[in-house]
Amino acid sequence: MKMQHKRRLIVEIQQVSGAQLIRFDRRVDSINARTLESHLEASLDLRTPTVVSLQTTEYVSSAALRVILTTGKKLAPVGFALVCPEGTYVHEILVTAGFTGLFKVYPDETTALRALS
């Protein structure tokens, strides 16, 4: 399922290998973070391991980090991981915000999905 939001944010949620794979495209900023949160709350299965891929995401705001943190905490009991290649701006933000200490962060979707299955 793909859904386009303000500022052309594209959110894609797929079922892959018994897990939910969520992709954010482009920028997740304070303007579209609320829409993203509403969409995730309505679409996520809290009983299924979930991978949030930031592989193609260029920017995440503090509001977007809050959405990811809240989602990760809800899904932690069943399995939650992030995908973000090292050396990217978004990875730098995750490190600075302490997300790499809270959640597993993998360099690619295949590795993350394998780890949660």
PDB file of N, CA and C in Angstrom:
ATOM      1  N   MET A   1       0.850  -1.161   0.000  1.00  0.00           N
ATOM      2  CA  MET A   1       0.000   0.000   0.000  1.00  0.00           C
ATOM      3  C   MET A   1       0.897   1.225   0.000  1.00  0.00           C
ATOM      4  N   LYS A   2       0.652   2.139  -0.929  1.00  0.00           N
ATOM      5  CA  LYS A   2       1.400   3.390  -0.994  1.00  0.00           C
ATOM      6  C   LYS A   2       0.442   4.528  -0.742  1.00  0.00           C
ATOM      7  N   MET A   3       0.949   5.516  -0.034  1.00  0.00           N
ATOM      8  CA  MET A   3       0.128   6.677   0.246  1.00  0.00           C
ATOM      9  C   MET A   3       1.007   7.913   0.159  1.00  0.00           C
ATOM     10  N   GLN A   4       0.540   8.923  -0.546  1.00  0.00           N
ATOM     11  CA  GLN A   4       1.309  10.144  -0.696  1.00  0.00           C
ATOM     12  C   GLN A   4       0.726  11.211   0.219  1.00  0.00           C
ATOM     13  N   HIS A   5       1.595  11.902   0.940  1.00  0.00           N
ATOM     14  CA  HIS A   5       1.190  12.911   1.900  1.00  0.00           C
ATOM     15  C   HIS A   5       1.716  14.274   1.492  1.00  0.00           C
ATOM     16  N   LYS A   6       1.455  15.261   2.338  1.00  0.00           N
ATOM     17  CA  LYS A   6       1.981  16.599   2.116  1.00  0.00           C
ATOM     18  C   LYS A   6       3.477  16.527   1.869  1.00  0.00           C
ATOM     19  N   ARG A   7       3.963  17.472   1.096  1.00  0.00           N
ATOM     20  CA  ARG A   7       5.380  17.541   0.753  1.00  0.00           C
ATOM     21  C   ARG A   7       5.861  16.266   0.078  1.00  0.00           C
ATOM     22  N   ARG A   8       4.967  15.569  -0.561  1.00  0.00           N
ATOM     23  CA  ARG A   8       5.301  14.425  -1.392  1.00  0.00           C
ATOM     24  C   ARG A   8       5.947  13.275  -0.629  1.00  0.00           C
ATOM     25  N   LEU A   9       5.665  13.147   0.653  1.00  0.00           N
ATOM     26  CA  LEU A   9       6.154  12.008   1.421  1.00  0.00           C
ATOM     27  C   LEU A   9       5.429  10.760   0.945  1.00  0.00           C
ATOM     28  N   ILE A  10       6.178   9.733   0.652  1.00  0.00           N
ATOM     29  CA  ILE A  10       5.584   8.461   0.247  1.00  0.00           C
ATOM     30  C   ILE A  10       5.881   7.444   1.339  1.00  0.00           C
ATOM     31  N   VAL A  11       4.841   6.795   1.815  1.00  0.00           N
ATOM     32  CA  VAL A  11       4.964   5.743   2.826  1.00  0.00           C
ATOM     33  C   VAL A  11       4.502   4.450   2.185  1.00  0.00           C
ATOM     34  N   GLU A  12       5.327   3.429   2.279  1.00  0.00           N
ATOM     35  CA  GLU A  12       4.980   2.132   1.709  1.00  0.00           C
ATOM     36  C   GLU A  12       5.088   1.084   2.812  1.00  0.00           C
ATOM     37  N   ILE A  13       4.044   0.285   2.983  1.00  0.00           N
ATOM     38  CA  ILE A  13       4.048  -0.799   3.966  1.00  0.00           C
ATOM     39  C   ILE A  13       3.799  -2.095   3.223  1.00  0.00           C
ATOM     40  N   GLN A  14       4.743  -3.034   3.363  1.00  0.00           N
ATOM     41  CA  GLN A  14       4.637  -4.333   2.685  1.00  0.00           C
ATOM     42  C   GLN A  14       4.818  -5.451   3.701  1.00  0.00           C
ATOM     43  N   GLN A  15       4.245  -6.588   3.393  1.00  0.00           N
ATOM     44  CA  GLN A  15       4.498  -7.801   4.161  1.00  0.00           C
ATOM     45  C   GLN A  15       5.597  -8.566   3.432  1.00  0.00           C
ATOM     46  N   VAL A  16       6.714  -8.804   4.112  1.00  0.00           N
ATOM     47  CA  VAL A  16       7.853  -9.496   3.503  1.00  0.00           C
ATOM     48  C   VAL A  16       8.406 -10.502   4.511  1.00  0.00           C
ATOM     49  N   SER A  17       8.441 -11.765   4.127  1.00  0.00           N
ATOM     50  CA  SER A  17       9.028 -12.817   4.961  1.00  0.00           C
ATOM     51  C   SER A  17       8.500 -12.801   6.394  1.00  0.00           C
ATOM     52  N   GLY A  18       7.191 -12.637   6.554  1.00  0.00           N
ATOM     53  CA  GLY A  18       6.588 -12.664   7.882  1.00  0.00           C
ATOM     54  C   GLY A  18       6.793 -11.396   8.698  1.00  0.00           C
ATOM     55  N   ALA A  19       7.262 -10.338   8.075  1.00  0.00           N
ATOM     56  CA  ALA A  19       7.471  -9.070   8.765  1.00  0.00           C
ATOM     57  C   ALA A  19       6.843  -7.933   7.963  1.00  0.00           C
ATOM     58  N   GLN A  20       6.631  -6.822   8.637  1.00  0.00           N
ATOM     59  CA  GLN A  20       6.177  -5.608   7.965  1.00  0.00           C
ATOM     60  C   GLN A  20       7.411  -4.806   7.588  1.00  0.00           C
ATOM     61  N   LEU A  21       7.457  -4.341   6.364  1.00  0.00           N
ATOM     62  CA  LEU A  21       8.539  -3.486   5.901  1.00  0.00           C
ATOM     63  C   LEU A  21       7.938  -2.134   5.573  1.00  0.00           C
ATOM     64  N   ILE A  22       8.420  -1.103   6.259  1.00  0.00           N
ATOM     65  CA  ILE A  22       7.919   0.250   6.062  1.00  0.00           C
ATOM     66  C   ILE A  22       9.036   1.074   5.447  1.00  0.00           C
ATOM     67  N   ARG A  23       8.711   1.737   4.351  1.00  0.00           N
ATOM     68  CA  ARG A  23       9.692   2.609   3.696  1.00  0.00           C
ATOM     69  C   ARG A  23       9.172   4.040   3.696  1.00  0.00           C
ATOM     70  N   PHE A  24      10.054   4.964   4.026  1.00  0.00           N
ATOM     71  CA  PHE A  24       9.752   6.395   3.929  1.00  0.00           C
ATOM     72  C   PHE A  24      10.624   6.914   2.806  1.00  0.00           C
ATOM     73  N   ASP A  25      10.046   7.648   1.924  1.00  0.00           N
ATOM     74  CA  ASP A  25      10.806   8.209   0.821  1.00  0.00           C
ATOM     75  C   ASP A  25      11.026   9.695   1.054  1.00  0.00           C
ATOM     76  N   ARG A  26      12.197  10.171   0.719  1.00  0.00           N
ATOM     77  CA  ARG A  26      12.525  11.592   0.725  1.00  0.00           C
ATOM     78  C   ARG A  26      12.694  12.175   2.112  1.00  0.00           C
ATOM     79  N   ARG A  27      11.807  13.090   2.492  1.00  0.00           N
ATOM     80  CA  ARG A  27      11.922  13.840   3.746  1.00  0.00           C
ATOM     81  C   ARG A  27      10.745  13.542   4.661  1.00  0.00           C
ATOM     82  N   VAL A  28      11.042  13.348   5.928  1.00  0.00           N
ATOM     83  CA  VAL A  28       9.986  13.258   6.933  1.00  0.00           C
ATOM     84  C   VAL A  28      10.230  14.440   7.863  1.00  0.00           C
ATOM     85  N   ASP A  29       9.408  15.477   7.704  1.00  0.00           N
ATOM     86  CA  ASP A  29       9.629  16.702   8.473  1.00  0.00           C
ATOM     87  C   ASP A  29       8.463  16.954   9.422  1.00  0.00           C
ATOM     88  N   SER A  30       8.521  18.081  10.119  1.00  0.00           N
ATOM     89  CA  SER A  30       7.484  18.380  11.113  1.00  0.00           C
ATOM     90  C   SER A  30       6.119  18.586  10.477  1.00  0.00           C
ATOM     91  N   ILE A  31       6.067  18.945   9.226  1.00  0.00           N
ATOM     92  CA  ILE A  31       4.789  19.168   8.554  1.00  0.00           C
ATOM     93  C   ILE A  31       4.087  17.850   8.244  1.00  0.00           C
ATOM     94  N   ASN A  32       4.827  16.858   7.782  1.00  0.00           N
ATOM     95  CA  ASN A  32       4.166  15.602   7.416  1.00  0.00           C
ATOM     96  C   ASN A  32       4.305  14.492   8.466  1.00  0.00           C
ATOM     97  N   ALA A  33       4.982  14.748   9.577  1.00  0.00           N
ATOM     98  CA  ALA A  33       5.160  13.726  10.607  1.00  0.00           C
ATOM     99  C   ALA A  33       3.834  13.310  11.244  1.00  0.00           C
ATOM    100  N   ARG A  34       2.932  14.259  11.453  1.00  0.00           N
ATOM    101  CA  ARG A  34       1.625  13.913  12.041  1.00  0.00           C
ATOM    102  C   ARG A  34       0.814  13.024  11.111  1.00  0.00           C
ATOM    103  N   THR A  35       0.860  13.326   9.836  1.00  0.00           N
ATOM    104  CA  THR A  35       0.157  12.501   8.859  1.00  0.00           C
ATOM    105  C   THR A  35       0.758  11.104   8.837  1.00  0.00           C
ATOM    106  N   LEU A  36       2.073  11.038   8.880  1.00  0.00           N
ATOM    107  CA  LEU A  36       2.760   9.748   8.924  1.00  0.00           C
ATOM    108  C   LEU A  36       2.324   8.954  10.156  1.00  0.00           C
ATOM    109  N   GLU A  37       2.313   9.607  11.293  1.00  0.00           N
ATOM    110  CA  GLU A  37       1.916   8.942  12.533  1.00  0.00           C
ATOM    111  C   GLU A  37       0.495   8.386  12.430  1.00  0.00           C
ATOM    112  N   SER A  38      -0.428   9.176  11.927  1.00  0.00           N
ATOM    113  CA  SER A  38      -1.821   8.726  11.767  1.00  0.00           C
ATOM    114  C   SER A  38      -1.901   7.519  10.836  1.00  0.00           C
ATOM    115  N   HIS A  39      -1.158   7.587   9.748  1.00  0.00           N
ATOM    116  CA  HIS A  39      -1.171   6.487   8.780  1.00  0.00           C
ATOM    117  C   HIS A  39      -0.607   5.210   9.406  1.00  0.00           C
ATOM    118  N   LEU A  40       0.505   5.322  10.133  1.00  0.00           N
ATOM    119  CA  LEU A  40       1.110   4.148  10.755  1.00  0.00           C
ATOM    120  C   LEU A  40       0.198   3.552  11.822  1.00  0.00           C
ATOM    121  N   GLU A  41      -0.408   4.396  12.635  1.00  0.00           N
ATOM    122  CA  GLU A  41      -1.315   3.895  13.669  1.00  0.00           C
ATOM    123  C   GLU A  41      -2.482   3.120  13.064  1.00  0.00           C
ATOM    124  N   ALA A  42      -2.956   3.567  11.925  1.00  0.00           N
ATOM    125  CA  ALA A  42      -4.081   2.904  11.273  1.00  0.00           C
ATOM    126  C   ALA A  42      -3.672   1.641  10.519  1.00  0.00           C
ATOM    127  N   SER A  43      -2.421   1.553  10.084  1.00  0.00           N
ATOM    128  CA  SER A  43      -2.001   0.484   9.179  1.00  0.00           C
ATOM    129  C   SER A  43      -1.178  -0.630   9.811  1.00  0.00           C
ATOM    130  N   LEU A  44      -0.495  -0.355  10.915  1.00  0.00           N
ATOM    131  CA  LEU A  44       0.432  -1.342  11.459  1.00  0.00           C
ATOM    132  C   LEU A  44      -0.259  -2.460  12.220  1.00  0.00           C
ATOM    133  N   ASP A  45       0.317  -3.639  12.105  1.00  0.00           N
ATOM    134  CA  ASP A  45      -0.109  -4.789  12.890  1.00  0.00           C
ATOM    135  C   ASP A  45       0.882  -4.907  14.045  1.00  0.00           C
ATOM    136  N   LEU A  46       0.433  -4.655  15.262  1.00  0.00           N
ATOM    137  CA  LEU A  46       1.322  -4.649  16.425  1.00  0.00           C
ATOM    138  C   LEU A  46       1.733  -6.053  16.872  1.00  0.00           C
ATOM    139  N   ARG A  47       1.315  -7.065  16.126  1.00  0.00           N
ATOM    140  CA  ARG A  47       1.712  -8.437  16.443  1.00  0.00           C
ATOM    141  C   ARG A  47       2.757  -8.971  15.480  1.00  0.00           C
ATOM    142  N   THR A  48       3.219  -8.125  14.568  1.00  0.00           N
ATOM    143  CA  THR A  48       4.139  -8.565  13.519  1.00  0.00           C
ATOM    144  C   THR A  48       5.465  -7.821  13.614  1.00  0.00           C
ATOM    145  N   PRO A  49       6.598  -8.533  13.565  1.00  0.00           N
ATOM    146  CA  PRO A  49       7.900  -7.848  13.551  1.00  0.00           C
ATOM    147  C   PRO A  49       7.947  -6.819  12.424  1.00  0.00           C
ATOM    148  N   THR A  50       8.628  -5.713  12.675  1.00  0.00           N
ATOM    149  CA  THR A  50       8.599  -4.603  11.727  1.00  0.00           C
ATOM    150  C   THR A  50       9.994  -4.034  11.484  1.00  0.00           C
ATOM    151  N   VAL A  51      10.264  -3.758  10.223  1.00  0.00           N
ATOM    152  CA  VAL A  51      11.494  -3.089   9.805  1.00  0.00           C
ATOM    153  C   VAL A  51      11.098  -1.747   9.208  1.00  0.00           C
ATOM    154  N   VAL A  52      11.682  -0.676   9.726  1.00  0.00           N
ATOM    155  CA  VAL A  52      11.484   0.654   9.163  1.00  0.00           C
ATOM    156  C   VAL A  52      12.735   0.993   8.370  1.00  0.00           C
ATOM    157  N   SER A  53      12.561   1.137   7.066  1.00  0.00           N
ATOM    158  CA  SER A  53      13.697   1.417   6.191  1.00  0.00           C
ATOM    159  C   SER A  53      13.805   2.918   5.924  1.00  0.00           C
ATOM    160  N   LEU A  54      14.941   3.456   6.275  1.00  0.00           N
ATOM    161  CA  LEU A  54      15.258   4.861   6.002  1.00  0.00           C
ATOM    162  C   LEU A  54      16.340   4.925   4.927  1.00  0.00           C
ATOM    163  N   GLN A  55      16.424   3.867   4.146  1.00  0.00           N
ATOM    164  CA  GLN A  55      17.461   3.724   3.137  1.00  0.00           C
ATOM    165  C   GLN A  55      17.437   4.842   2.103  1.00  0.00           C
ATOM    166  N   THR A  56      16.255   5.305   1.728  1.00  0.00           N
ATOM    167  CA  THR A  56      16.151   6.369   0.720  1.00  0.00           C
ATOM    168  C   THR A  56      15.701   7.696   1.328  1.00  0.00           C
ATOM    169  N   THR A  57      15.627   7.744   2.639  1.00  0.00           N
ATOM    170  CA  THR A  57      15.191   8.959   3.318  1.00  0.00           C
ATOM    171  C   THR A  57      16.356   9.928   3.406  1.00  0.00           C
ATOM    172  N   GLU A  58      16.101  11.158   3.019  1.00  0.00           N
ATOM    173  CA  GLU A  58      17.155  12.181   2.986  1.00  0.00           C
ATOM    174  C   GLU A  58      17.188  13.036   4.237  1.00  0.00           C
ATOM    175  N   TYR A  59      16.057  13.123   4.953  1.00  0.00           N
ATOM    176  CA  TYR A  59      15.971  14.012   6.104  1.00  0.00           C
ATOM    177  C   TYR A  59      14.897  13.517   7.066  1.00  0.00           C
ATOM    178  N   VAL A  60      15.184  13.548   8.355  1.00  0.00           N
ATOM    179  CA  VAL A  60      14.176  13.273   9.383  1.00  0.00           C
ATOM    180  C   VAL A  60      14.246  14.381  10.425  1.00  0.00           C
ATOM    181  N   SER A  61      13.101  14.933  10.770  1.00  0.00           N
ATOM    182  CA  SER A  61      13.029  15.989  11.781  1.00  0.00           C
ATOM    183  C   SER A  61      12.872  15.358  13.161  1.00  0.00           C
ATOM    184  N   SER A  62      12.914  16.187  14.188  1.00  0.00           N
ATOM    185  CA  SER A  62      12.700  15.686  15.546  1.00  0.00           C
ATOM    186  C   SER A  62      11.280  15.125  15.682  1.00  0.00           C
ATOM    187  N   ALA A  63      10.314  15.721  14.987  1.00  0.00           N
ATOM    188  CA  ALA A  63       8.944  15.195  15.013  1.00  0.00           C
ATOM    189  C   ALA A  63       8.888  13.799  14.386  1.00  0.00           C
ATOM    190  N   ALA A  64       9.638  13.606  13.325  1.00  0.00           N
ATOM    191  CA  ALA A  64       9.697  12.290  12.680  1.00  0.00           C
ATOM    192  C   ALA A  64      10.386  11.279  13.589  1.00  0.00           C
ATOM    193  N   LEU A  65      11.435  11.710  14.282  1.00  0.00           N
ATOM    194  CA  LEU A  65      12.116  10.817  15.227  1.00  0.00           C
ATOM    195  C   LEU A  65      11.162  10.370  16.333  1.00  0.00           C
ATOM    196  N   ARG A  66      10.305  11.280  16.785  1.00  0.00           N
ATOM    197  CA  ARG A  66       9.320  10.926  17.811  1.00  0.00           C
ATOM    198  C   ARG A  66       8.373   9.843  17.290  1.00  0.00           C
ATOM    199  N   VAL A  67       7.935   9.964  16.032  1.00  0.00           N
ATOM    200  CA  VAL A  67       7.050   8.965  15.435  1.00  0.00           C
ATOM    201  C   VAL A  67       7.765   7.618  15.358  1.00  0.00           C
ATOM    202  N   ILE A  68       9.014   7.619  14.935  1.00  0.00           N
ATOM    203  CA  ILE A  68       9.786   6.371  14.832  1.00  0.00           C
ATOM    204  C   ILE A  68      10.004   5.771  16.220  1.00  0.00           C
ATOM    205  N   LEU A  69      10.329   6.602  17.208  1.00  0.00           N
ATOM    206  CA  LEU A  69      10.545   6.130  18.574  1.00  0.00           C
ATOM    207  C   LEU A  69       9.271   5.502  19.145  1.00  0.00           C
ATOM    208  N   THR A  70       8.159   6.180  18.989  1.00  0.00           N
ATOM    209  CA  THR A  70       6.882   5.664  19.486  1.00  0.00           C
ATOM    210  C   THR A  70       6.526   4.349  18.809  1.00  0.00           C
ATOM    211  N   THR A  71       6.703   4.296  17.504  1.00  0.00           N
ATOM    212  CA  THR A  71       6.419   3.074  16.749  1.00  0.00           C
ATOM    213  C   THR A  71       7.332   1.942  17.213  1.00  0.00           C
ATOM    214  N   GLY A  72       8.611   2.246  17.352  1.00  0.00           N
ATOM    215  CA  GLY A  72       9.579   1.233  17.795  1.00  0.00           C
ATOM    216  C   GLY A  72       9.272   0.684  19.168  1.00  0.00           C
ATOM    217  N   LYS A  73       8.877   1.545  20.090  1.00  0.00           N
ATOM    218  CA  LYS A  73       8.547   1.085  21.445  1.00  0.00           C
ATOM    219  C   LYS A  73       7.316   0.182  21.441  1.00  0.00           C
ATOM    220  N   LYS A  74       6.325   0.536  20.632  1.00  0.00           N
ATOM    221  CA  LYS A  74       5.117  -0.288  20.546  1.00  0.00           C
ATOM    222  C   LYS A  74       5.425  -1.672  19.976  1.00  0.00           C
ATOM    223  N   LEU A  75       6.354  -1.716  19.006  1.00  0.00           N
ATOM    224  CA  LEU A  75       6.635  -2.968  18.304  1.00  0.00           C
ATOM    225  C   LEU A  75       7.804  -3.757  18.893  1.00  0.00           C
ATOM    226  N   ALA A  76       8.525  -3.176  19.825  1.00  0.00           N
ATOM    227  CA  ALA A  76       9.702  -3.842  20.395  1.00  0.00           C
ATOM    228  C   ALA A  76       9.420  -5.257  20.924  1.00  0.00           C
ATOM    229  N   PRO A  77       8.290  -5.487  21.593  1.00  0.00           N
ATOM    230  CA  PRO A  77       8.050  -6.849  22.105  1.00  0.00           C
ATOM    231  C   PRO A  77       7.982  -7.935  21.022  1.00  0.00           C
ATOM    232  N   VAL A  78       7.580  -7.572  19.799  1.00  0.00           N
ATOM    233  CA  VAL A  78       7.489  -8.572  18.734  1.00  0.00           C
ATOM    234  C   VAL A  78       8.650  -8.490  17.747  1.00  0.00           C
ATOM    235  N   GLY A  79       9.425  -7.410  17.811  1.00  0.00           N
ATOM    236  CA  GLY A  79      10.583  -7.253  16.930  1.00  0.00           C
ATOM    237  C   GLY A  79      10.503  -5.966  16.130  1.00  0.00           C
ATOM    238  N   PHE A  80      11.542  -5.145  16.254  1.00  0.00           N
ATOM    239  CA  PHE A  80      11.591  -3.870  15.556  1.00  0.00           C
ATOM    240  C   PHE A  80      13.034  -3.571  15.190  1.00  0.00           C
ATOM    241  N   ALA A  81      13.246  -3.108  13.975  1.00  0.00           N
ATOM    242  CA  ALA A  81      14.594  -2.749  13.530  1.00  0.00           C
ATOM    243  C   ALA A  81      14.511  -1.603  12.539  1.00  0.00           C
ATOM    244  N   LEU A  82      15.620  -0.884  12.431  1.00  0.00           N
ATOM    245  CA  LEU A  82      15.744   0.204  11.466  1.00  0.00           C
ATOM    246  C   LEU A  82      16.762  -0.177  10.413  1.00  0.00           C
ATOM    247  N   VAL A  83      16.586   0.350   9.214  1.00  0.00           N
ATOM    248  CA  VAL A  83      17.564   0.199   8.141  1.00  0.00           C
ATOM    249  C   VAL A  83      18.038   1.595   7.778  1.00  0.00           C
ATOM    250  N   CYS A  84      19.344   1.787   7.885  1.00  0.00           N
ATOM    251  CA  CYS A  84      19.921   3.072   7.528  1.00  0.00           C
ATOM    252  C   CYS A  84      21.414   2.867   7.286  1.00  0.00           C
ATOM    253  N   PRO A  85      21.856   3.059   6.062  1.00  0.00           N
ATOM    254  CA  PRO A  85      23.272   2.846   5.756  1.00  0.00           C
ATOM    255  C   PRO A  85      24.163   3.832   6.530  1.00  0.00           C
ATOM    256  N   GLU A  86      25.276   3.309   7.042  1.00  0.00           N
ATOM    257  CA  GLU A  86      26.247   4.172   7.726  1.00  0.00           C
ATOM    258  C   GLU A  86      26.803   5.200   6.759  1.00  0.00           C
ATOM    259  N   GLY A  87      27.161   6.355   7.311  1.00  0.00           N
ATOM    260  CA  GLY A  87      27.753   7.397   6.492  1.00  0.00           C
ATOM    261  C   GLY A  87      26.750   8.350   5.877  1.00  0.00           C
ATOM    262  N   THR A  88      25.445   8.066   6.070  1.00  0.00           N
ATOM    263  CA  THR A  88      24.430   8.969   5.533  1.00  0.00           C
ATOM    264  C   THR A  88      24.068  10.010   6.587  1.00  0.00           C
ATOM    265  N   TYR A  89      23.467  11.091   6.135  1.00  0.00           N
ATOM    266  CA  TYR A  89      23.030  12.150   7.041  1.00  0.00           C
ATOM    267  C   TYR A  89      22.015  11.610   8.046  1.00  0.00           C
ATOM    268  N   VAL A  90      21.088  10.791   7.586  1.00  0.00           N
ATOM    269  CA  VAL A  90      20.064  10.249   8.473  1.00  0.00           C
ATOM    270  C   VAL A  90      20.697   9.325   9.512  1.00  0.00           C
ATOM    271  N   HIS A  91      21.696   8.546   9.137  1.00  0.00           N
ATOM    272  CA  HIS A  91      22.380   7.684  10.114  1.00  0.00           C
ATOM    273  C   HIS A  91      23.054   8.528  11.183  1.00  0.00           C
ATOM    274  N   GLU A  92      23.650   9.620  10.773  1.00  0.00           N
ATOM    275  CA  GLU A  92      24.277  10.548  11.719  1.00  0.00           C
ATOM    276  C   GLU A  92      23.247  11.065  12.729  1.00  0.00           C
ATOM    277  N   ILE A  93      22.064  11.386  12.242  1.00  0.00           N
ATOM    278  CA  ILE A  93      20.987  11.853  13.126  1.00  0.00           C
ATOM    279  C   ILE A  93      20.587  10.751  14.104  1.00  0.00           C
ATOM    280  N   LEU A  94      20.451   9.522  13.622  1.00  0.00           N
ATOM    281  CA  LEU A  94      20.078   8.398  14.492  1.00  0.00           C
ATOM    282  C   LEU A  94      21.122   8.180  15.587  1.00  0.00           C
ATOM    283  N   VAL A  95      22.381   8.279  15.234  1.00  0.00           N
ATOM    284  CA  VAL A  95      23.464   8.110  16.217  1.00  0.00           C
ATOM    285  C   VAL A  95      23.396   9.227  17.250  1.00  0.00           C
ATOM    286  N   THR A  96      23.292  10.456  16.790  1.00  0.00           N
ATOM    287  CA  THR A  96      23.267  11.616  17.683  1.00  0.00           C
ATOM    288  C   THR A  96      22.063  11.569  18.626  1.00  0.00           C
ATOM    289  N   ALA A  97      20.926  11.126  18.122  1.00  0.00           N
ATOM    290  CA  ALA A  97      19.705  11.061  18.931  1.00  0.00           C
ATOM    291  C   ALA A  97      19.653   9.830  19.838  1.00  0.00           C
ATOM    292  N   GLY A  98      20.624   8.929  19.727  1.00  0.00           N
ATOM    293  CA  GLY A  98      20.674   7.757  20.585  1.00  0.00           C
ATOM    294  C   GLY A  98      19.860   6.571  20.113  1.00  0.00           C
ATOM    295  N   PHE A  99      19.350   6.612  18.899  1.00  0.00           N
ATOM    296  CA  PHE A  99      18.527   5.525  18.387  1.00  0.00           C
ATOM    297  C   PHE A  99      19.329   4.236  18.180  1.00  0.00           C
ATOM    298  N   THR A 100      20.620   4.368  17.905  1.00  0.00           N
ATOM    299  CA  THR A 100      21.432   3.167  17.678  1.00  0.00           C
ATOM    300  C   THR A 100      21.633   2.385  18.976  1.00  0.00           C
ATOM    301  N   GLY A 101      21.406   3.032  20.104  1.00  0.00           N
ATOM    302  CA  GLY A 101      21.454   2.338  21.389  1.00  0.00           C
ATOM    303  C   GLY A 101      20.117   1.736  21.783  1.00  0.00           C
ATOM    304  N   LEU A 102      19.049   2.224  21.185  1.00  0.00           N
ATOM    305  CA  LEU A 102      17.705   1.741  21.512  1.00  0.00           C
ATOM    306  C   LEU A 102      17.232   0.617  20.603  1.00  0.00           C
ATOM    307  N   PHE A 103      17.585   0.718  19.322  1.00  0.00           N
ATOM    308  CA  PHE A 103      17.092  -0.229  18.329  1.00  0.00           C
ATOM    309  C   PHE A 103      18.251  -0.770  17.496  1.00  0.00           C
ATOM    310  N   LYS A 104      18.059  -1.962  16.965  1.00  0.00           N
ATOM    311  CA  LYS A 104      19.019  -2.509  16.018  1.00  0.00           C
ATOM    312  C   LYS A 104      18.920  -1.706  14.725  1.00  0.00           C
ATOM    313  N   VAL A 105      20.070  -1.313  14.191  1.00  0.00           N
ATOM    314  CA  VAL A 105      20.112  -0.573  12.930  1.00  0.00           C
ATOM    315  C   VAL A 105      20.962  -1.385  11.960  1.00  0.00           C
ATOM    316  N   TYR A 106      20.373  -1.746  10.834  1.00  0.00           N
ATOM    317  CA  TYR A 106      21.046  -2.573   9.840  1.00  0.00           C
ATOM    318  C   TYR A 106      21.350  -1.753   8.591  1.00  0.00           C
ATOM    319  N   PRO A 107      22.362  -2.164   7.827  1.00  0.00           N
ATOM    320  CA  PRO A 107      22.749  -1.403   6.637  1.00  0.00           C
ATOM    321  C   PRO A 107      21.827  -1.603   5.432  1.00  0.00           C
ATOM    322  N   ASP A 108      21.050  -2.702   5.442  1.00  0.00           N
ATOM    323  CA  ASP A 108      20.161  -2.961   4.303  1.00  0.00           C
ATOM    324  C   ASP A 108      18.937  -3.747   4.749  1.00  0.00           C
ATOM    325  N   GLU A 109      17.906  -3.722   3.918  1.00  0.00           N
ATOM    326  CA  GLU A 109      16.631  -4.354   4.249  1.00  0.00           C
ATOM    327  C   GLU A 109      16.741  -5.870   4.358  1.00  0.00           C
ATOM    328  N   THR A 110      17.501  -6.481   3.481  1.00  0.00           N
ATOM    329  CA  THR A 110      17.622  -7.943   3.495  1.00  0.00           C
ATOM    330  C   THR A 110      18.189  -8.437   4.824  1.00  0.00           C
ATOM    331  N   THR A 111      19.236  -7.801   5.306  1.00  0.00           N
ATOM    332  CA  THR A 111      19.852  -8.185   6.573  1.00  0.00           C
ATOM    333  C   THR A 111      18.882  -7.982   7.733  1.00  0.00           C
ATOM    334  N   ALA A 112      18.165  -6.864   7.731  1.00  0.00           N
ATOM    335  CA  ALA A 112      17.215  -6.587   8.808  1.00  0.00           C
ATOM    336  C   ALA A 112      16.066  -7.598   8.813  1.00  0.00           C
ATOM    337  N   LEU A 113      15.516  -7.885   7.650  1.00  0.00           N
ATOM    338  CA  LEU A 113      14.417  -8.846   7.561  1.00  0.00           C
ATOM    339  C   LEU A 113      14.871 -10.241   7.991  1.00  0.00           C
ATOM    340  N   ARG A 114      16.065 -10.619   7.594  1.00  0.00           N
ATOM    341  CA  ARG A 114      16.610 -11.915   7.998  1.00  0.00           C
ATOM    342  C   ARG A 114      16.774 -11.983   9.511  1.00  0.00           C
ATOM    343  N   ALA A 115      17.219 -10.902  10.119  1.00  0.00           N
ATOM    344  CA  ALA A 115      17.443 -10.871  11.570  1.00  0.00           C
ATOM    345  C   ALA A 115      16.130 -10.997  12.352  1.00  0.00           C
ATOM    346  N   LEU A 116      15.042 -10.495  11.799  1.00  0.00           N
ATOM    347  CA  LEU A 116      13.758 -10.546  12.511  1.00  0.00           C
ATOM    348  C   LEU A 116      12.957 -11.806  12.237  1.00  0.00           C
ATOM    349  N   SER A 117      13.397 -12.634  11.248  1.00  0.00           N
ATOM    350  CA  SER A 117      12.610 -13.837  10.971  1.00  0.00           C
ATOM    351  C   SER A 117      13.061 -15.007  11.788  1.00  0.00           C
TER     352      SER A 117
END
